[in-house]
N, C-alpha and C. Protein backbone atom coordinates (compact mmCIF):
# COMPACT_ATOMS: atom_id res chain seq x y z
N MET A 1 18.62 -8.49 28.16
CA MET A 1 19.87 -9.14 27.84
C MET A 1 19.58 -10.50 27.20
N ILE A 2 20.54 -10.95 26.45
CA ILE A 2 20.44 -12.27 25.83
C ILE A 2 21.23 -13.25 26.68
N GLY A 3 20.61 -14.38 27.00
CA GLY A 3 21.26 -15.40 27.82
C GLY A 3 22.29 -16.19 27.04
N LEU A 4 22.97 -17.06 27.73
CA LEU A 4 24.00 -17.88 27.10
C LEU A 4 23.43 -18.80 26.03
N ASP A 5 22.16 -19.13 26.13
CA ASP A 5 21.54 -19.99 25.13
C ASP A 5 21.03 -19.22 23.92
N GLY A 6 21.28 -17.91 23.88
CA GLY A 6 20.85 -17.09 22.75
C GLY A 6 19.43 -16.59 22.88
N GLN A 7 18.75 -16.92 23.96
CA GLN A 7 17.38 -16.50 24.18
C GLN A 7 17.35 -15.29 25.11
N PRO A 8 16.34 -14.44 24.99
CA PRO A 8 16.25 -13.27 25.88
C PRO A 8 16.01 -13.69 27.32
N ASP A 9 16.53 -12.94 28.25
CA ASP A 9 16.32 -13.15 29.67
C ASP A 9 14.84 -12.98 29.97
N ALA A 10 14.19 -14.03 30.44
CA ALA A 10 12.74 -14.02 30.64
C ALA A 10 12.29 -12.98 31.66
N LYS A 11 13.15 -12.60 32.58
CA LYS A 11 12.78 -11.63 33.60
C LYS A 11 12.74 -10.21 33.04
N ARG A 12 13.48 -9.96 31.99
CA ARG A 12 13.61 -8.60 31.48
C ARG A 12 12.87 -8.36 30.18
N PHE A 13 12.60 -9.40 29.42
CA PHE A 13 11.95 -9.27 28.12
C PHE A 13 10.61 -9.97 28.12
N LEU A 14 9.65 -9.35 27.45
CA LEU A 14 8.28 -9.86 27.41
C LEU A 14 7.85 -10.16 25.98
N ARG A 15 7.03 -11.17 25.85
CA ARG A 15 6.41 -11.46 24.56
C ARG A 15 5.29 -10.44 24.34
N VAL A 16 4.89 -10.29 23.10
CA VAL A 16 3.78 -9.39 22.77
C VAL A 16 2.53 -9.80 23.55
N SER A 17 2.27 -11.09 23.64
CA SER A 17 1.08 -11.57 24.36
C SER A 17 1.15 -11.23 25.85
N ALA A 18 2.34 -11.26 26.44
CA ALA A 18 2.49 -10.90 27.86
C ALA A 18 2.21 -9.42 28.07
N VAL A 19 2.66 -8.58 27.13
CA VAL A 19 2.39 -7.15 27.22
C VAL A 19 0.88 -6.90 27.13
N ALA A 20 0.22 -7.62 26.24
CA ALA A 20 -1.24 -7.49 26.11
C ALA A 20 -1.93 -7.87 27.42
N ASN A 21 -1.50 -8.96 28.02
CA ASN A 21 -2.10 -9.40 29.30
C ASN A 21 -1.84 -8.38 30.40
N LEU A 22 -0.63 -7.88 30.49
CA LEU A 22 -0.28 -6.91 31.54
C LEU A 22 -1.05 -5.60 31.42
N THR A 23 -1.33 -5.21 30.18
CA THR A 23 -2.00 -3.93 29.95
C THR A 23 -3.51 -4.06 29.75
N GLY A 24 -4.01 -5.28 29.75
CA GLY A 24 -5.45 -5.50 29.59
C GLY A 24 -5.95 -5.17 28.20
N THR A 25 -5.09 -5.35 27.21
CA THR A 25 -5.46 -5.07 25.82
C THR A 25 -5.27 -6.32 24.97
N SER A 26 -5.48 -6.18 23.69
CA SER A 26 -5.30 -7.30 22.77
C SER A 26 -3.89 -7.30 22.20
N VAL A 27 -3.51 -8.44 21.67
CA VAL A 27 -2.22 -8.56 20.99
C VAL A 27 -2.19 -7.60 19.80
N ARG A 28 -3.31 -7.46 19.13
CA ARG A 28 -3.40 -6.55 17.99
C ARG A 28 -3.09 -5.10 18.41
N SER A 29 -3.58 -4.70 19.57
CA SER A 29 -3.29 -3.35 20.07
C SER A 29 -1.80 -3.16 20.32
N VAL A 30 -1.16 -4.17 20.88
CA VAL A 30 0.29 -4.06 21.15
C VAL A 30 1.04 -3.91 19.83
N TYR A 31 0.68 -4.69 18.82
CA TYR A 31 1.32 -4.53 17.51
C TYR A 31 1.07 -3.13 16.95
N ARG A 32 -0.11 -2.58 17.18
CA ARG A 32 -0.41 -1.21 16.75
C ARG A 32 0.49 -0.21 17.48
N TRP A 33 0.68 -0.41 18.78
CA TRP A 33 1.57 0.48 19.54
C TRP A 33 2.98 0.43 19.00
N ILE A 34 3.42 -0.76 18.65
CA ILE A 34 4.77 -0.92 18.08
C ILE A 34 4.87 -0.15 16.77
N ALA A 35 3.85 -0.28 15.93
CA ALA A 35 3.87 0.36 14.61
C ALA A 35 3.64 1.86 14.67
N ASN A 36 2.69 2.31 15.49
CA ASN A 36 2.27 3.70 15.46
C ASN A 36 2.80 4.58 16.58
N ASP A 37 2.92 4.02 17.75
CA ASP A 37 3.31 4.82 18.91
C ASP A 37 4.77 4.59 19.31
N ASN A 38 5.46 3.83 18.52
CA ASN A 38 6.88 3.60 18.74
C ASN A 38 7.21 2.92 20.06
N LEU A 39 6.40 1.94 20.46
CA LEU A 39 6.76 1.11 21.60
C LEU A 39 8.06 0.40 21.23
N PRO A 40 9.12 0.60 22.00
CA PRO A 40 10.41 -0.01 21.66
C PRO A 40 10.31 -1.54 21.64
N VAL A 41 10.85 -2.12 20.62
CA VAL A 41 10.80 -3.57 20.46
C VAL A 41 12.18 -4.07 20.01
N HIS A 42 12.50 -5.29 20.42
CA HIS A 42 13.76 -5.91 20.03
C HIS A 42 13.43 -7.04 19.06
N HIS A 43 14.11 -7.06 17.92
CA HIS A 43 13.93 -8.10 16.92
C HIS A 43 15.04 -9.13 17.10
N LEU A 44 14.66 -10.35 17.43
CA LEU A 44 15.62 -11.43 17.59
C LEU A 44 15.51 -12.36 16.39
N PRO A 45 16.59 -13.03 16.06
CA PRO A 45 16.53 -13.94 14.91
C PRO A 45 15.50 -15.04 15.14
N GLY A 46 14.73 -15.31 14.11
CA GLY A 46 13.73 -16.37 14.18
C GLY A 46 13.98 -17.36 13.07
N THR A 47 12.99 -18.17 12.78
CA THR A 47 13.11 -19.14 11.71
C THR A 47 12.63 -18.53 10.41
N GLY A 48 13.29 -18.84 9.35
CA GLY A 48 12.90 -18.31 8.05
C GLY A 48 13.02 -16.80 7.99
N MET A 49 12.00 -16.17 7.46
CA MET A 49 11.99 -14.71 7.29
C MET A 49 11.41 -13.99 8.50
N ARG A 50 10.94 -14.72 9.50
CA ARG A 50 10.28 -14.11 10.65
C ARG A 50 11.28 -13.82 11.76
N SER A 51 11.10 -12.70 12.41
CA SER A 51 11.90 -12.39 13.58
C SER A 51 11.04 -12.55 14.82
N ILE A 52 11.67 -12.72 15.95
CA ILE A 52 10.98 -12.85 17.22
C ILE A 52 10.98 -11.48 17.87
N LEU A 53 9.81 -10.99 18.26
CA LEU A 53 9.69 -9.68 18.89
C LEU A 53 9.66 -9.83 20.41
N ARG A 54 10.42 -9.01 21.08
CA ARG A 54 10.39 -8.95 22.54
C ARG A 54 10.44 -7.50 22.97
N ILE A 55 9.72 -7.21 24.05
CA ILE A 55 9.68 -5.86 24.60
C ILE A 55 10.36 -5.90 25.97
N ALA A 56 11.34 -5.02 26.17
CA ALA A 56 12.01 -4.96 27.46
C ALA A 56 11.03 -4.41 28.49
N LYS A 57 10.99 -5.02 29.67
CA LYS A 57 10.08 -4.59 30.73
C LYS A 57 10.33 -3.13 31.09
N ASP A 58 11.58 -2.72 31.17
CA ASP A 58 11.90 -1.33 31.49
C ASP A 58 11.37 -0.38 30.42
N ASP A 59 11.51 -0.76 29.15
CA ASP A 59 10.99 0.05 28.05
C ASP A 59 9.48 0.17 28.13
N LEU A 60 8.81 -0.93 28.44
CA LEU A 60 7.35 -0.91 28.56
C LEU A 60 6.93 0.02 29.69
N ASP A 61 7.57 -0.09 30.84
CA ASP A 61 7.22 0.77 31.97
C ASP A 61 7.38 2.25 31.62
N THR A 62 8.47 2.59 30.97
CA THR A 62 8.72 3.98 30.57
C THR A 62 7.69 4.43 29.55
N TRP A 63 7.40 3.59 28.56
CA TRP A 63 6.45 3.93 27.52
C TRP A 63 5.05 4.15 28.11
N LEU A 64 4.65 3.29 29.05
CA LEU A 64 3.33 3.42 29.67
C LEU A 64 3.21 4.72 30.46
N LEU A 65 4.27 5.14 31.09
CA LEU A 65 4.23 6.40 31.84
C LEU A 65 4.01 7.60 30.91
N ARG A 66 4.51 7.50 29.69
CA ARG A 66 4.37 8.60 28.72
C ARG A 66 3.05 8.56 27.96
N HIS A 67 2.34 7.44 28.00
CA HIS A 67 1.10 7.32 27.23
C HIS A 67 -0.02 7.10 28.18
C-alpha cells in the first residue's frame, strides 16, 4: 500500500537491495528475476525518467515458493 506521504508502506514493500539481502543473492540477480522470471514489481513515480521499483513482501514469498 502507499502511505499518506505517497511512499510505499515499508512493512509491505521491499527495495531491490532488500530482496537481494533476504535471498542471499546480488541486486543484479533480482533485476534478472524481474526481467526474466516475472518477479512482480511495482513501479512508483521517481525523479526524471526513472521509476522507483518495489517488491511486495507477499509477492516475493509467493514467487519464492514457486521457484
